[in-house]
N, C-alpha and C. Protein backbone atom coordinates (compact mmCIF):
# COMPACT_ATOMS: atom_id res chain seq x y z
N GLN A 1 15.55 5.74 32.87
CA GLN A 1 14.30 6.31 32.36
C GLN A 1 13.95 5.63 31.04
N VAL A 2 12.67 5.49 30.80
CA VAL A 2 12.21 4.85 29.57
C VAL A 2 10.95 5.56 29.12
N GLN A 3 10.76 5.62 27.84
CA GLN A 3 9.50 6.12 27.28
C GLN A 3 8.70 4.93 26.76
N LEU A 4 7.44 4.92 27.10
CA LEU A 4 6.52 3.87 26.65
C LEU A 4 5.40 4.54 25.87
N VAL A 5 5.18 4.10 24.66
CA VAL A 5 4.16 4.71 23.82
C VAL A 5 3.16 3.64 23.39
N GLU A 6 1.91 3.80 23.86
CA GLU A 6 0.87 2.86 23.51
C GLU A 6 0.15 3.32 22.23
N SER A 7 -0.39 2.37 21.52
CA SER A 7 -1.22 2.66 20.35
C SER A 7 -2.16 1.49 20.11
N GLY A 8 -3.15 1.72 19.25
CA GLY A 8 -4.04 0.64 18.87
C GLY A 8 -5.43 0.68 19.49
N GLY A 9 -5.66 1.63 20.38
CA GLY A 9 -6.98 1.73 20.98
C GLY A 9 -8.00 2.26 19.98
N GLY A 10 -9.27 2.23 20.40
CA GLY A 10 -10.33 2.74 19.53
C GLY A 10 -11.69 2.25 19.96
N LEU A 11 -12.64 2.45 19.07
CA LEU A 11 -14.02 2.03 19.32
C LEU A 11 -14.28 0.71 18.57
N VAL A 12 -14.84 -0.26 19.28
CA VAL A 12 -15.10 -1.56 18.68
C VAL A 12 -16.42 -2.08 19.21
N GLN A 13 -17.11 -2.86 18.40
CA GLN A 13 -18.38 -3.43 18.82
C GLN A 13 -18.14 -4.63 19.74
N PRO A 14 -19.10 -4.94 20.59
CA PRO A 14 -18.98 -6.15 21.42
C PRO A 14 -18.72 -7.38 20.55
N GLY A 15 -17.80 -8.21 21.02
CA GLY A 15 -17.40 -9.38 20.25
C GLY A 15 -16.24 -9.13 19.32
N GLY A 16 -15.86 -7.89 19.15
CA GLY A 16 -14.78 -7.54 18.25
C GLY A 16 -13.40 -7.71 18.88
N SER A 17 -12.39 -7.32 18.12
CA SER A 17 -11.00 -7.47 18.55
C SER A 17 -10.22 -6.19 18.33
N LEU A 18 -9.21 -6.02 19.16
CA LEU A 18 -8.23 -4.95 19.00
C LEU A 18 -6.87 -5.49 19.41
N ARG A 19 -5.82 -4.90 18.85
CA ARG A 19 -4.47 -5.21 19.31
C ARG A 19 -3.79 -3.92 19.73
N LEU A 20 -3.42 -3.88 20.99
CA LEU A 20 -2.68 -2.74 21.52
C LEU A 20 -1.18 -3.00 21.39
N SER A 21 -0.43 -1.93 21.16
CA SER A 21 1.02 -2.01 21.10
C SER A 21 1.63 -1.06 22.12
N CYS A 22 2.76 -1.45 22.63
CA CYS A 22 3.52 -0.60 23.56
C CYS A 22 4.97 -0.62 23.11
N ALA A 23 5.42 0.49 22.56
CA ALA A 23 6.79 0.59 22.09
C ALA A 23 7.65 1.24 23.17
N ALA A 24 8.73 0.56 23.55
CA ALA A 24 9.63 1.07 24.59
C ALA A 24 10.87 1.68 23.95
N SER A 25 11.43 2.67 24.65
CA SER A 25 12.60 3.37 24.12
C SER A 25 13.90 2.65 24.42
N ARG A 26 13.82 1.54 25.17
CA ARG A 26 15.01 0.75 25.39
C ARG A 26 14.63 -0.72 25.51
N ASN A 27 15.63 -1.56 25.64
CA ASN A 27 15.46 -3.01 25.67
C ASN A 27 14.43 -3.43 26.73
N ILE A 28 13.36 -4.07 26.26
CA ILE A 28 12.32 -4.47 27.22
C ILE A 28 12.80 -5.55 28.17
N PHE A 29 13.87 -6.25 27.82
CA PHE A 29 14.39 -7.28 28.73
C PHE A 29 15.23 -6.67 29.85
N SER A 30 15.40 -5.36 29.83
CA SER A 30 16.07 -4.70 30.96
C SER A 30 15.12 -4.52 32.14
N PHE A 31 13.85 -4.84 31.90
CA PHE A 31 12.84 -4.75 32.96
C PHE A 31 12.48 -6.16 33.45
N ASN A 32 12.05 -6.22 34.69
CA ASN A 32 11.66 -7.53 35.24
C ASN A 32 10.40 -8.06 34.57
N ALA A 33 9.52 -7.14 34.23
CA ALA A 33 8.27 -7.54 33.60
C ALA A 33 7.67 -6.36 32.86
N MET A 34 6.92 -6.68 31.84
CA MET A 34 6.11 -5.68 31.15
C MET A 34 4.65 -6.03 31.46
N ASN A 35 3.89 -4.99 31.75
CA ASN A 35 2.51 -5.21 32.19
C ASN A 35 1.54 -4.33 31.41
N TRP A 36 0.33 -4.81 31.34
CA TRP A 36 -0.79 -4.00 30.85
C TRP A 36 -1.77 -3.81 32.00
N TYR A 37 -2.13 -2.56 32.24
CA TYR A 37 -3.15 -2.20 33.21
C TYR A 37 -4.30 -1.51 32.47
N ARG A 38 -5.42 -1.40 33.17
CA ARG A 38 -6.51 -0.61 32.63
C ARG A 38 -7.24 0.11 33.75
N GLN A 39 -7.87 1.22 33.40
CA GLN A 39 -8.63 1.99 34.38
C GLN A 39 -9.92 2.47 33.73
N ALA A 40 -11.02 1.99 34.27
CA ALA A 40 -12.33 2.41 33.80
C ALA A 40 -12.77 3.62 34.61
N PRO A 41 -13.68 4.43 34.07
CA PRO A 41 -14.14 5.62 34.80
C PRO A 41 -14.69 5.26 36.18
N GLY A 42 -14.21 5.95 37.18
CA GLY A 42 -14.69 5.74 38.54
C GLY A 42 -14.15 4.50 39.23
N LYS A 43 -13.22 3.81 38.57
CA LYS A 43 -12.67 2.59 39.14
C LYS A 43 -11.16 2.71 39.31
N GLN A 44 -10.62 1.82 40.14
CA GLN A 44 -9.18 1.80 40.34
C GLN A 44 -8.48 1.14 39.15
N ARG A 45 -7.23 1.51 38.97
CA ARG A 45 -6.44 0.88 37.92
C ARG A 45 -6.22 -0.58 38.30
N GLU A 46 -6.40 -1.47 37.33
CA GLU A 46 -6.23 -2.89 37.61
C GLU A 46 -5.24 -3.53 36.63
N LEU A 47 -4.54 -4.54 37.13
CA LEU A 47 -3.58 -5.27 36.32
C LEU A 47 -4.34 -6.25 35.42
N VAL A 48 -4.05 -6.18 34.13
CA VAL A 48 -4.74 -7.02 33.16
C VAL A 48 -3.87 -8.20 32.74
N ALA A 49 -2.60 -7.92 32.43
CA ALA A 49 -1.72 -8.99 31.92
C ALA A 49 -0.28 -8.65 32.23
N THR A 50 0.50 -9.70 32.45
CA THR A 50 1.92 -9.57 32.76
C THR A 50 2.72 -10.52 31.90
N ILE A 51 3.82 -10.01 31.34
CA ILE A 51 4.76 -10.89 30.64
C ILE A 51 6.12 -10.66 31.28
N PRO A 52 6.59 -11.62 32.11
CA PRO A 52 7.86 -11.44 32.81
C PRO A 52 9.03 -11.80 31.90
N ASN A 53 10.23 -11.44 32.37
CA ASN A 53 11.43 -11.82 31.63
C ASN A 53 11.53 -13.33 31.50
N SER A 54 11.22 -13.99 32.56
CA SER A 54 11.20 -15.45 32.55
C SER A 54 9.96 -15.92 33.25
N GLY A 55 9.48 -17.08 32.88
CA GLY A 55 8.26 -17.58 33.48
C GLY A 55 7.07 -17.35 32.58
N SER A 56 5.93 -17.68 33.12
CA SER A 56 4.71 -17.67 32.31
C SER A 56 4.00 -16.32 32.36
N THR A 57 3.25 -16.06 31.33
CA THR A 57 2.40 -14.88 31.33
C THR A 57 1.25 -15.08 32.32
N ARG A 58 0.72 -14.00 32.80
CA ARG A 58 -0.38 -14.07 33.77
C ARG A 58 -1.46 -13.08 33.36
N TYR A 59 -2.68 -13.44 33.71
CA TYR A 59 -3.82 -12.63 33.31
C TYR A 59 -4.81 -12.47 34.46
N ALA A 60 -5.51 -11.36 34.43
CA ALA A 60 -6.64 -11.19 35.35
C ALA A 60 -7.72 -12.19 34.97
N ASP A 61 -8.44 -12.68 35.95
CA ASP A 61 -9.49 -13.67 35.69
C ASP A 61 -10.50 -13.16 34.66
N SER A 62 -10.75 -11.87 34.69
CA SER A 62 -11.79 -11.30 33.82
C SER A 62 -11.41 -11.33 32.34
N VAL A 63 -10.13 -11.54 32.03
CA VAL A 63 -9.70 -11.52 30.62
C VAL A 63 -9.10 -12.85 30.17
N LYS A 64 -8.97 -13.80 31.06
CA LYS A 64 -8.37 -15.10 30.69
C LYS A 64 -9.15 -15.74 29.56
N GLY A 65 -8.40 -16.25 28.59
CA GLY A 65 -9.03 -16.89 27.44
C GLY A 65 -9.43 -15.93 26.34
N ARG A 66 -9.39 -14.64 26.63
CA ARG A 66 -9.77 -13.63 25.62
C ARG A 66 -8.60 -12.73 25.22
N PHE A 67 -7.73 -12.43 26.16
CA PHE A 67 -6.60 -11.54 25.92
C PHE A 67 -5.30 -12.35 25.88
N THR A 68 -4.37 -11.89 25.05
CA THR A 68 -3.06 -12.53 24.98
C THR A 68 -1.99 -11.45 24.93
N VAL A 69 -1.02 -11.56 25.84
CA VAL A 69 0.10 -10.63 25.86
C VAL A 69 1.30 -11.30 25.19
N SER A 70 2.04 -10.53 24.40
CA SER A 70 3.21 -11.06 23.71
C SER A 70 4.22 -9.94 23.53
N ARG A 71 5.40 -10.29 23.01
CA ARG A 71 6.43 -9.27 22.81
C ARG A 71 7.25 -9.59 21.57
N ASP A 72 7.82 -8.52 21.02
CA ASP A 72 8.77 -8.62 19.93
C ASP A 72 10.05 -7.94 20.41
N ALA A 73 11.03 -8.75 20.79
CA ALA A 73 12.26 -8.20 21.37
C ALA A 73 13.00 -7.30 20.38
N ALA A 74 12.97 -7.67 19.12
CA ALA A 74 13.70 -6.89 18.12
C ALA A 74 13.14 -5.48 17.98
N LYS A 75 11.83 -5.35 18.25
CA LYS A 75 11.18 -4.04 18.14
C LYS A 75 10.99 -3.37 19.49
N ASN A 76 11.42 -4.05 20.57
CA ASN A 76 11.20 -3.51 21.92
C ASN A 76 9.73 -3.14 22.12
N THR A 77 8.87 -4.03 21.69
CA THR A 77 7.44 -3.77 21.70
C THR A 77 6.69 -4.92 22.37
N VAL A 78 5.70 -4.55 23.15
CA VAL A 78 4.82 -5.51 23.79
C VAL A 78 3.42 -5.30 23.24
N TYR A 79 2.70 -6.39 23.08
CA TYR A 79 1.37 -6.33 22.49
C TYR A 79 0.32 -6.89 23.46
N LEU A 80 -0.90 -6.43 23.28
CA LEU A 80 -2.03 -7.03 23.98
C LEU A 80 -3.12 -7.28 22.93
N GLN A 81 -3.28 -8.54 22.58
CA GLN A 81 -4.33 -8.93 21.66
C GLN A 81 -5.60 -9.16 22.46
N MET A 82 -6.65 -8.45 22.11
CA MET A 82 -7.90 -8.52 22.86
C MET A 82 -9.00 -9.01 21.93
N ASN A 83 -9.54 -10.17 22.24
CA ASN A 83 -10.61 -10.77 21.45
C ASN A 83 -11.89 -10.86 22.28
N SER A 84 -12.99 -11.08 21.60
CA SER A 84 -14.29 -11.24 22.27
C SER A 84 -14.53 -10.11 23.26
N LEU A 85 -14.30 -8.91 22.81
CA LEU A 85 -14.39 -7.76 23.71
C LEU A 85 -15.81 -7.54 24.21
N LYS A 86 -15.89 -7.09 25.46
CA LYS A 86 -17.17 -6.83 26.12
C LYS A 86 -17.25 -5.36 26.51
N PRO A 87 -18.44 -4.84 26.70
CA PRO A 87 -18.56 -3.44 27.15
C PRO A 87 -17.78 -3.17 28.44
N GLU A 88 -17.70 -4.15 29.31
CA GLU A 88 -16.97 -3.95 30.56
C GLU A 88 -15.45 -3.89 30.38
N ASP A 89 -14.97 -4.14 29.17
CA ASP A 89 -13.54 -3.96 28.88
C ASP A 89 -13.21 -2.51 28.56
N THR A 90 -14.22 -1.67 28.45
CA THR A 90 -14.02 -0.25 28.17
C THR A 90 -13.19 0.39 29.28
N ALA A 91 -12.08 1.01 28.88
CA ALA A 91 -11.16 1.60 29.85
C ALA A 91 -10.01 2.27 29.09
N VAL A 92 -9.22 3.02 29.83
CA VAL A 92 -7.93 3.46 29.31
C VAL A 92 -6.91 2.37 29.67
N TYR A 93 -6.19 1.91 28.66
CA TYR A 93 -5.21 0.84 28.86
C TYR A 93 -3.80 1.45 28.91
N TYR A 94 -3.05 1.03 29.92
CA TYR A 94 -1.72 1.57 30.15
C TYR A 94 -0.67 0.47 30.07
N CYS A 95 0.42 0.79 29.43
CA CYS A 95 1.58 -0.08 29.44
C CYS A 95 2.45 0.29 30.64
N ASN A 96 3.05 -0.72 31.24
CA ASN A 96 3.89 -0.50 32.43
C ASN A 96 5.14 -1.36 32.32
N ALA A 97 6.26 -0.77 32.70
CA ALA A 97 7.53 -1.51 32.73
C ALA A 97 8.09 -1.41 34.14
N PHE A 98 8.28 -2.55 34.76
CA PHE A 98 8.79 -2.57 36.14
C PHE A 98 10.26 -2.92 36.16
N ASP A 99 11.05 -2.04 36.76
CA ASP A 99 12.49 -2.23 36.90
C ASP A 99 12.79 -2.63 38.33
N GLY A 100 13.08 -3.91 38.55
CA GLY A 100 13.33 -4.39 39.89
C GLY A 100 14.61 -3.87 40.49
N ALA A 101 15.58 -3.50 39.66
CA ALA A 101 16.87 -3.01 40.16
C ALA A 101 16.71 -1.66 40.86
N THR A 102 15.84 -0.84 40.34
CA THR A 102 15.62 0.49 40.92
C THR A 102 14.26 0.60 41.59
N MET A 103 13.49 -0.49 41.55
CA MET A 103 12.12 -0.49 42.09
C MET A 103 11.31 0.65 41.48
N THR A 104 11.47 0.82 40.20
CA THR A 104 10.81 1.89 39.48
C THR A 104 9.75 1.32 38.55
N SER A 105 8.59 1.96 38.57
CA SER A 105 7.51 1.58 37.68
C SER A 105 7.32 2.69 36.67
N ASN A 106 7.43 2.34 35.40
CA ASN A 106 7.32 3.32 34.32
C ASN A 106 6.00 3.14 33.58
N TRP A 107 5.39 4.25 33.21
CA TRP A 107 4.06 4.21 32.60
C TRP A 107 4.02 4.91 31.26
N GLY A 108 3.19 4.37 30.38
CA GLY A 108 2.87 5.08 29.16
C GLY A 108 1.74 6.06 29.40
N GLN A 109 1.33 6.73 28.32
CA GLN A 109 0.31 7.76 28.45
C GLN A 109 -1.10 7.18 28.41
N GLY A 110 -1.24 5.95 27.99
CA GLY A 110 -2.54 5.29 27.94
C GLY A 110 -3.20 5.41 26.57
N THR A 111 -4.04 4.43 26.28
CA THR A 111 -4.82 4.45 25.04
C THR A 111 -6.24 4.02 25.37
N GLN A 112 -7.21 4.74 24.82
CA GLN A 112 -8.61 4.49 25.15
C GLN A 112 -9.16 3.34 24.33
N VAL A 113 -9.81 2.42 25.02
CA VAL A 113 -10.55 1.34 24.36
C VAL A 113 -12.01 1.46 24.76
N THR A 114 -12.88 1.56 23.78
CA THR A 114 -14.30 1.66 24.02
C THR A 114 -15.02 0.54 23.29
N VAL A 115 -15.77 -0.25 24.04
CA VAL A 115 -16.52 -1.37 23.47
C VAL A 115 -18.00 -1.02 23.57
N SER A 116 -18.61 -0.77 22.42
CA SER A 116 -20.00 -0.31 22.42
C SER A 116 -20.63 -0.58 21.07
N SER A 117 -21.91 -0.85 21.09
CA SER A 117 -22.65 -1.02 19.83
C SER A 117 -23.28 0.30 19.41
């Protein structure tokens, strides 16, 4: 079991930036990958960014070139830097940790991001 706590959401104008944080209660390298998802009102939850234990980071086409996922192993924290934000980025953003050994997907409580003028 792991606790994931997101922070950093808020209201930002179009073109602005936010950095989301996801603090895990245990070693993030114990998971196969750390992911960021988002869910807009009336829409399905979608995968935004993935940072695996090994290999390259991956992004949804809609955020490539604007969002960057990173991690700080010493803090057991994963970040999502979001630049050039658009109104369509408005959603609740969720941190996810996937444990391949148990096939368990762990979720944070989510943080609201609103992009509006």
